[in-house]
Amino acid sequence: MLPYQEIHAKAEENAGGATELAARMPSIKKEDDLRKIPAADYFSAMSFRIFSTGLNQTMVRNKWPAFEDAFLGFEPAKVAFMSEDDIAGLMENTKIIRHLGKIRATHHNALALVELEKTHQSIGNYLADWPSSDTIGFYADIKKRFKQLGGNSGPYFARMMGKDGFILTQDVVSALNKLGVASGKLTAKKDQAAVQAAFNVWHEESGAPYADISRTLAIWTGS
């Protein structure tokens, strides 16, 4: 496994220089800032990720004000109390994307957020408290708690909110394969454990955020 310094140097070359590489790094928030984000903002972003999967994001974003109205400002407690009649009414709302599975997932996720507040006081605390040294465990927990946040949907939601962590995009998986960390699609538990261990080593070596290491690997591999 290459030292992170060598990976970073090659990525810098591929990006066209240090300034260009730095400009391509993700925006990550401090833990205190994650805690301050209102639950409705988290819920809105989570739902946007779900409804935009497989669709043009600009189109979905243009419809989002109507979603905010339809889902009661994405206040988890309000959406959690939606009835079957309310859900049926949403399926008649032509201003939003009428996908029953995603609408039901949004209702479920509101209930999950209400439950989360009982143990963590807020979803902001939940994100802030989970260590990036267990990013794999964090994504598994998101998938377990919430609907339609499996695969990279949960990781992209967390990244949207500024949570530090790596994302196993195709480019990152390719880089990890080339570096000999693990092989294949990296979906097996043993492979994911090897990936987490590698990221932990590179983080210790460099002090760089896990999100930066993830993006640097994608650029290192030639994209």
C-alpha atoms as a PDB file:
ATOM      1  CA  MET A   1       0.000   0.000   0.000  1.00  0.00           C
ATOM      2  CA  LEU A   2       1.440   3.345  -1.052  1.00  0.00           C
ATOM      3  CA  PRO A   3       2.127   6.021   1.553  1.00  0.00           C
ATOM      4  CA  TYR A   4      -0.430   8.811   1.350  1.00  0.00           C
ATOM      5  CA  GLN A   5       2.278  11.326   0.483  1.00  0.00           C
ATOM      6  CA  GLU A   6       2.937   9.515  -2.793  1.00  0.00           C
ATOM      7  CA  ILE A   7      -0.777   9.226  -3.585  1.00  0.00           C
ATOM      8  CA  HIS A   8      -1.254  12.931  -2.922  1.00  0.00           C
ATOM      9  CA  ALA A   9       1.737  13.869  -5.090  1.00  0.00           C
ATOM     10  CA  LYS A  10       0.377  11.905  -8.062  1.00  0.00           C
ATOM     11  CA  ALA A  11      -3.120  13.333  -7.581  1.00  0.00           C
ATOM     12  CA  GLU A  12      -1.644  16.825  -7.487  1.00  0.00           C
ATOM     13  CA  GLU A  13       0.073  16.128 -10.792  1.00  0.00           C
ATOM     14  CA  ASN A  14      -3.138  14.780 -12.331  1.00  0.00           C
ATOM     15  CA  ALA A  15      -5.110  17.792 -11.105  1.00  0.00           C
ATOM     16  CA  GLY A  16      -2.650  20.278 -12.572  1.00  0.00           C
ATOM     17  CA  GLY A  17      -1.079  21.543  -9.374  1.00  0.00           C
ATOM     18  CA  ALA A  18      -1.564  21.994  -5.646  1.00  0.00           C
ATOM     19  CA  THR A  19      -4.027  24.856  -5.992  1.00  0.00           C
ATOM     20  CA  GLU A  20      -6.164  22.952  -8.480  1.00  0.00           C
ATOM     21  CA  LEU A  21      -6.195  19.839  -6.292  1.00  0.00           C
ATOM     22  CA  ALA A  22      -7.157  21.816  -3.186  1.00  0.00           C
ATOM     23  CA  ALA A  23     -10.016  23.449  -5.086  1.00  0.00           C
ATOM     24  CA  ARG A  24     -11.502  20.015  -5.823  1.00  0.00           C
ATOM     25  CA  MET A  25     -11.710  18.919  -2.193  1.00  0.00           C
ATOM     26  CA  PRO A  26     -15.180  18.513  -0.600  1.00  0.00           C
ATOM     27  CA  SER A  27     -16.603  21.011   1.873  1.00  0.00           C
ATOM     28  CA  ILE A  28     -16.572  19.480   5.364  1.00  0.00           C
ATOM     29  CA  LYS A  29     -18.142  20.969   8.485  1.00  0.00           C
ATOM     30  CA  LYS A  30     -16.832  20.902  12.028  1.00  0.00           C
ATOM     31  CA  GLU A  31     -18.697  18.737  14.546  1.00  0.00           C
ATOM     32  CA  ASP A  32     -20.172  21.760  16.332  1.00  0.00           C
ATOM     33  CA  ASP A  33     -21.562  23.043  13.037  1.00  0.00           C
ATOM     34  CA  LEU A  34     -23.157  19.664  12.265  1.00  0.00           C
ATOM     35  CA  ARG A  35     -24.926  19.814  15.625  1.00  0.00           C
ATOM     36  CA  LYS A  36     -26.403  23.250  14.853  1.00  0.00           C
ATOM     37  CA  ILE A  37     -28.115  22.276  11.585  1.00  0.00           C
ATOM     38  CA  PRO A  38     -31.904  22.053  12.095  1.00  0.00           C
ATOM     39  CA  ALA A  39     -33.528  18.643  11.796  1.00  0.00           C
ATOM     40  CA  ALA A  40     -35.735  19.929   8.959  1.00  0.00           C
ATOM     41  CA  ASP A  41     -32.641  20.776   6.907  1.00  0.00           C
ATOM     42  CA  TYR A  42     -31.246  17.283   7.378  1.00  0.00           C
ATOM     43  CA  PHE A  43     -34.595  15.728   6.522  1.00  0.00           C
ATOM     44  CA  SER A  44     -34.994  17.878   3.425  1.00  0.00           C
ATOM     45  CA  ALA A  45     -31.513  16.979   2.165  1.00  0.00           C
ATOM     46  CA  MET A  46     -32.077  13.300   2.901  1.00  0.00           C
ATOM     47  CA  SER A  47     -35.350  13.356   0.992  1.00  0.00           C
ATOM     48  CA  PHE A  48     -33.826  15.287  -1.897  1.00  0.00           C
ATOM     49  CA  ARG A  49     -31.193  12.605  -2.222  1.00  0.00           C
ATOM     50  CA  ILE A  50     -33.881   9.903  -2.308  1.00  0.00           C
ATOM     51  CA  PHE A  51     -36.173  11.627  -4.820  1.00  0.00           C
ATOM     52  CA  SER A  52     -33.316  12.715  -7.091  1.00  0.00           C
ATOM     53  CA  THR A  53     -31.753   9.261  -7.400  1.00  0.00           C
ATOM     54  CA  GLY A  54     -31.941   8.228 -11.033  1.00  0.00           C
ATOM     55  CA  LEU A  55     -33.352  11.608 -12.104  1.00  0.00           C
ATOM     56  CA  ASN A  56     -32.028  14.952 -13.285  1.00  0.00           C
ATOM     57  CA  GLN A  57     -31.075  16.810 -10.113  1.00  0.00           C
ATOM     58  CA  THR A  58     -31.794  20.231 -11.598  1.00  0.00           C
ATOM     59  CA  MET A  59     -35.337  19.150 -12.414  1.00  0.00           C
ATOM     60  CA  VAL A  60     -35.854  17.840  -8.883  1.00  0.00           C
ATOM     61  CA  ARG A  61     -34.333  20.976  -7.352  1.00  0.00           C
ATOM     62  CA  ASN A  62     -36.717  23.153  -9.348  1.00  0.00           C
ATOM     63  CA  LYS A  63     -39.612  21.193  -7.862  1.00  0.00           C
ATOM     64  CA  TRP A  64     -38.229  21.276  -4.336  1.00  0.00           C
ATOM     65  CA  PRO A  65     -40.208  24.292  -3.059  1.00  0.00           C
ATOM     66  CA  ALA A  66     -43.353  22.275  -3.822  1.00  0.00           C
ATOM     67  CA  PHE A  67     -41.872  19.333  -1.922  1.00  0.00           C
ATOM     68  CA  GLU A  68     -41.204  21.608   1.058  1.00  0.00           C
ATOM     69  CA  ASP A  69     -44.880  22.596   1.060  1.00  0.00           C
ATOM     70  CA  ALA A  70     -46.166  19.066   0.507  1.00  0.00           C
ATOM     71  CA  PHE A  71     -44.026  17.611   3.293  1.00  0.00           C
ATOM     72  CA  LEU A  72     -44.821  20.312   5.852  1.00  0.00           C
ATOM     73  CA  GLY A  73     -41.436  22.008   5.765  1.00  0.00           C
ATOM     74  CA  PHE A  74     -39.800  18.614   6.369  1.00  0.00           C
ATOM     75  CA  GLU A  75     -40.393  18.895  10.100  1.00  0.00           C
ATOM     76  CA  PRO A  76     -39.914  15.239  11.152  1.00  0.00           C
ATOM     77  CA  ALA A  77     -42.617  15.259  13.849  1.00  0.00           C
ATOM     78  CA  LYS A  78     -45.204  16.669  11.445  1.00  0.00           C
ATOM     79  CA  VAL A  79     -44.429  14.256   8.619  1.00  0.00           C
ATOM     80  CA  ALA A  80     -44.384  11.348  11.071  1.00  0.00           C
ATOM     81  CA  PHE A  81     -48.050  12.018  11.842  1.00  0.00           C
ATOM     82  CA  MET A  82     -49.139  11.879   8.200  1.00  0.00           C
ATOM     83  CA  SER A  83     -52.012   9.457   7.655  1.00  0.00           C
ATOM     84  CA  GLU A  84     -52.756   7.082   4.794  1.00  0.00           C
ATOM     85  CA  ASP A  85     -55.153   9.724   3.467  1.00  0.00           C
ATOM     86  CA  ASP A  86     -52.336  12.271   3.524  1.00  0.00           C
ATOM     87  CA  ILE A  87     -50.087   9.904   1.592  1.00  0.00           C
ATOM     88  CA  ALA A  88     -52.854   9.264  -0.939  1.00  0.00           C
ATOM     89  CA  GLY A  89     -53.201  13.039  -1.308  1.00  0.00           C
ATOM     90  CA  LEU A  90     -49.501  13.373  -2.078  1.00  0.00           C
ATOM     91  CA  MET A  91     -49.939  10.878  -4.898  1.00  0.00           C
ATOM     92  CA  GLU A  92     -52.447  13.332  -6.411  1.00  0.00           C
ATOM     93  CA  ASN A  93     -50.077  16.311  -6.087  1.00  0.00           C
ATOM     94  CA  THR A  94     -48.845  17.063  -9.612  1.00  0.00           C
ATOM     95  CA  LYS A  95     -46.238  19.555  -8.351  1.00  0.00           C
ATOM     96  CA  ILE A  96     -44.053  16.841  -6.849  1.00  0.00           C
ATOM     97  CA  ILE A  97     -42.651  13.538  -8.089  1.00  0.00           C
ATOM     98  CA  ARG A  98     -45.411  11.020  -7.402  1.00  0.00           C
ATOM     99  CA  HIS A  99     -43.414   7.927  -6.552  1.00  0.00           C
ATOM    100  CA  LEU A 100     -45.253   5.910  -3.900  1.00  0.00           C
ATOM    101  CA  GLY A 101     -42.171   4.027  -2.738  1.00  0.00           C
ATOM    102  CA  LYS A 102     -40.229   7.225  -2.161  1.00  0.00           C
ATOM    103  CA  ILE A 103     -43.180   8.965  -0.514  1.00  0.00           C
ATOM    104  CA  ARG A 104     -43.600   6.046   1.883  1.00  0.00           C
ATOM    105  CA  ALA A 105     -39.838   6.020   2.510  1.00  0.00           C
ATOM    106  CA  THR A 106     -40.051   9.713   3.455  1.00  0.00           C
ATOM    107  CA  HIS A 107     -42.815   8.972   5.959  1.00  0.00           C
ATOM    108  CA  HIS A 108     -40.793   6.080   7.418  1.00  0.00           C
ATOM    109  CA  ASN A 109     -37.702   8.270   7.649  1.00  0.00           C
ATOM    110  CA  ALA A 110     -39.644  10.918   9.567  1.00  0.00           C
ATOM    111  CA  LEU A 111     -40.577   8.259  12.127  1.00  0.00           C
ATOM    112  CA  ALA A 112     -36.930   7.124  12.245  1.00  0.00           C
ATOM    113  CA  LEU A 113     -35.762  10.684  12.867  1.00  0.00           C
ATOM    114  CA  VAL A 114     -38.213  11.082  15.738  1.00  0.00           C
ATOM    115  CA  GLU A 115     -36.854   7.857  17.260  1.00  0.00           C
ATOM    116  CA  LEU A 116     -33.277   9.029  16.692  1.00  0.00           C
ATOM    117  CA  GLU A 117     -33.939  12.166  18.710  1.00  0.00           C
ATOM    118  CA  LYS A 118     -34.836  10.005  21.714  1.00  0.00           C
ATOM    119  CA  THR A 119     -31.327   8.548  21.865  1.00  0.00           C
ATOM    120  CA  HIS A 120     -29.146  11.297  20.369  1.00  0.00           C
ATOM    121  CA  GLN A 121     -31.276  14.415  20.982  1.00  0.00           C
ATOM    122  CA  SER A 122     -30.777  15.394  17.327  1.00  0.00           C
ATOM    123  CA  ILE A 123     -29.651  13.971  14.011  1.00  0.00           C
ATOM    124  CA  GLY A 124     -26.875  16.563  14.100  1.00  0.00           C
ATOM    125  CA  ASN A 125     -25.485  14.915  17.220  1.00  0.00           C
ATOM    126  CA  TYR A 126     -25.817  11.525  15.537  1.00  0.00           C
ATOM    127  CA  LEU A 127     -23.678  12.621  12.591  1.00  0.00           C
ATOM    128  CA  ALA A 128     -21.194  14.559  14.699  1.00  0.00           C
ATOM    129  CA  ASP A 129     -20.663  11.814  17.276  1.00  0.00           C
ATOM    130  CA  TRP A 130     -20.030   8.964  14.854  1.00  0.00           C
ATOM    131  CA  PRO A 131     -16.246   8.741  14.247  1.00  0.00           C
ATOM    132  CA  SER A 132     -14.938   8.817  10.701  1.00  0.00           C
ATOM    133  CA  SER A 133     -12.621   5.978  11.713  1.00  0.00           C
ATOM    134  CA  ASP A 134     -15.780   3.828  11.470  1.00  0.00           C
ATOM    135  CA  THR A 135     -17.248   5.291   8.299  1.00  0.00           C
ATOM    136  CA  ILE A 136     -18.260   1.813   7.129  1.00  0.00           C
ATOM    137  CA  GLY A 137     -20.213   1.242  10.335  1.00  0.00           C
ATOM    138  CA  PHE A 138     -21.853   4.649  10.035  1.00  0.00           C
ATOM    139  CA  TYR A 139     -23.122   3.940   6.529  1.00  0.00           C
ATOM    140  CA  ALA A 140     -24.396   0.532   7.609  1.00  0.00           C
ATOM    141  CA  ASP A 141     -26.326   2.151  10.451  1.00  0.00           C
ATOM    142  CA  ILE A 142     -27.869   4.755   8.132  1.00  0.00           C
ATOM    143  CA  LYS A 143     -28.999   1.973   5.804  1.00  0.00           C
ATOM    144  CA  LYS A 144     -30.536   0.096   8.742  1.00  0.00           C
ATOM    145  CA  ARG A 145     -32.376   3.102  10.218  1.00  0.00           C
ATOM    146  CA  PHE A 146     -33.639   4.766   7.064  1.00  0.00           C
ATOM    147  CA  LYS A 147     -35.280   3.607   3.853  1.00  0.00           C
ATOM    148  CA  GLN A 148     -33.767   4.120   0.384  1.00  0.00           C
ATOM    149  CA  LEU A 149     -30.404   5.245   1.777  1.00  0.00           C
ATOM    150  CA  GLY A 150     -28.479   2.118   0.853  1.00  0.00           C
ATOM    151  CA  GLY A 151     -25.615   1.966  -1.634  1.00  0.00           C
ATOM    152  CA  ASN A 152     -24.042   5.392  -1.991  1.00  0.00           C
ATOM    153  CA  SER A 153     -27.264   7.313  -1.250  1.00  0.00           C
ATOM    154  CA  GLY A 154     -26.523   7.441   2.478  1.00  0.00           C
ATOM    155  CA  PRO A 155     -22.888   8.469   1.938  1.00  0.00           C
ATOM    156  CA  TYR A 156     -23.898  11.206  -0.514  1.00  0.00           C
ATOM    157  CA  PHE A 157     -26.501  12.504   1.932  1.00  0.00           C
ATOM    158  CA  ALA A 158     -23.877  12.680   4.683  1.00  0.00           C
ATOM    159  CA  ARG A 159     -21.450  14.421   2.318  1.00  0.00           C
ATOM    160  CA  MET A 160     -24.150  16.934   1.324  1.00  0.00           C
ATOM    161  CA  MET A 161     -24.484  17.888   4.995  1.00  0.00           C
ATOM    162  CA  GLY A 162     -20.727  18.220   5.501  1.00  0.00           C
ATOM    163  CA  LYS A 163     -20.050  15.010   7.436  1.00  0.00           C
ATOM    164  CA  ASP A 164     -16.473  13.789   7.003  1.00  0.00           C
ATOM    165  CA  GLY A 165     -16.158  10.350   5.452  1.00  0.00           C
ATOM    166  CA  PHE A 166     -15.114   8.550   2.301  1.00  0.00           C
ATOM    167  CA  ILE A 167     -17.463   7.510  -0.507  1.00  0.00           C
ATOM    168  CA  LEU A 168     -16.824   4.338  -2.495  1.00  0.00           C
ATOM    169  CA  THR A 169     -17.479   5.777  -5.929  1.00  0.00           C
ATOM    170  CA  GLN A 170     -16.384   3.851  -8.990  1.00  0.00           C
ATOM    171  CA  ASP A 171     -13.173   5.911  -9.177  1.00  0.00           C
ATOM    172  CA  VAL A 172     -12.340   5.350  -5.509  1.00  0.00           C
ATOM    173  CA  VAL A 173     -13.028   1.618  -5.803  1.00  0.00           C
ATOM    174  CA  SER A 174     -10.775   1.500  -8.865  1.00  0.00           C
ATOM    175  CA  ALA A 175      -8.003   3.278  -6.957  1.00  0.00           C
ATOM    176  CA  LEU A 176      -8.296   0.928  -3.975  1.00  0.00           C
ATOM    177  CA  ASN A 177      -8.130  -2.060  -6.337  1.00  0.00           C
ATOM    178  CA  LYS A 178      -5.013  -0.683  -8.028  1.00  0.00           C
ATOM    179  CA  LEU A 179      -3.391  -0.019  -4.648  1.00  0.00           C
ATOM    180  CA  GLY A 180      -4.025  -3.596  -3.569  1.00  0.00           C
ATOM    181  CA  VAL A 181      -6.182  -2.669  -0.589  1.00  0.00           C
ATOM    182  CA  ALA A 182      -8.879  -5.100  -1.714  1.00  0.00           C
ATOM    183  CA  SER A 183     -10.278  -6.403  -4.985  1.00  0.00           C
ATOM    184  CA  GLY A 184     -13.581  -6.292  -6.782  1.00  0.00           C
ATOM    185  CA  LYS A 185     -16.570  -4.116  -5.938  1.00  0.00           C
ATOM    186  CA  LEU A 186     -15.669  -3.933  -2.211  1.00  0.00           C
ATOM    187  CA  THR A 187     -19.091  -5.000  -0.994  1.00  0.00           C
ATOM    188  CA  ALA A 188     -17.938  -7.923   1.176  1.00  0.00           C
ATOM    189  CA  LYS A 189     -17.481  -7.202   4.895  1.00  0.00           C
ATOM    190  CA  LYS A 190     -13.818  -8.270   4.885  1.00  0.00           C
ATOM    191  CA  ASP A 191     -13.085  -5.956   1.943  1.00  0.00           C
ATOM    192  CA  GLN A 192     -14.870  -3.051   3.582  1.00  0.00           C
ATOM    193  CA  ALA A 193     -12.902  -3.660   6.791  1.00  0.00           C
ATOM    194  CA  ALA A 194      -9.679  -3.533   4.741  1.00  0.00           C
ATOM    195  CA  VAL A 195     -10.831  -0.298   3.120  1.00  0.00           C
ATOM    196  CA  GLN A 196     -11.609   1.291   6.484  1.00  0.00           C
ATOM    197  CA  ALA A 197      -8.217   0.210   7.827  1.00  0.00           C
ATOM    198  CA  ALA A 198      -6.438   1.731   4.819  1.00  0.00           C
ATOM    199  CA  PHE A 199      -8.265   5.044   5.191  1.00  0.00           C
ATOM    200  CA  ASN A 200      -7.434   5.083   8.902  1.00  0.00           C
ATOM    201  CA  VAL A 201      -3.732   4.603   8.121  1.00  0.00           C
ATOM    202  CA  TRP A 202      -3.733   7.368   5.498  1.00  0.00           C
ATOM    203  CA  HIS A 203      -5.590   9.672   7.878  1.00  0.00           C
ATOM    204  CA  GLU A 204      -3.005   9.019  10.609  1.00  0.00           C
ATOM    205  CA  GLU A 205      -0.175   9.621   8.144  1.00  0.00           C
ATOM    206  CA  SER A 206      -1.533  12.885   6.765  1.00  0.00           C
ATOM    207  CA  GLY A 207      -4.073  14.331   9.177  1.00  0.00           C
ATOM    208  CA  ALA A 208      -6.260  14.933   6.108  1.00  0.00           C
ATOM    209  CA  PRO A 209     -10.045  14.553   6.355  1.00  0.00           C
ATOM    210  CA  TYR A 210     -11.366  11.211   5.146  1.00  0.00           C
ATOM    211  CA  ALA A 211     -13.395  13.061   2.498  1.00  0.00           C
ATOM    212  CA  ASP A 212     -10.212  14.645   1.126  1.00  0.00           C
ATOM    213  CA  ILE A 213      -8.454  11.285   1.018  1.00  0.00           C
ATOM    214  CA  SER A 214     -11.440   9.838  -0.846  1.00  0.00           C
ATOM    215  CA  ARG A 215     -11.446  12.612  -3.440  1.00  0.00           C
ATOM    216  CA  THR A 216      -7.649  12.453  -3.763  1.00  0.00           C
ATOM    217  CA  LEU A 217      -7.819   8.730  -4.511  1.00  0.00           C
ATOM    218  CA  ALA A 218     -10.372   9.391  -7.260  1.00  0.00           C
ATOM    219  CA  ILE A 219      -8.061  11.966  -8.817  1.00  0.00           C
ATOM    220  CA  TRP A 220      -4.990   9.739  -8.306  1.00  0.00           C
ATOM    221  CA  THR A 221      -6.575   7.006 -10.379  1.00  0.00           C
ATOM    222  CA  GLY A 222      -6.695   9.365 -13.358  1.00  0.00           C
ATOM    223  CA  SER A 223     -10.161  10.970 -13.357  1.00  0.00           C
END
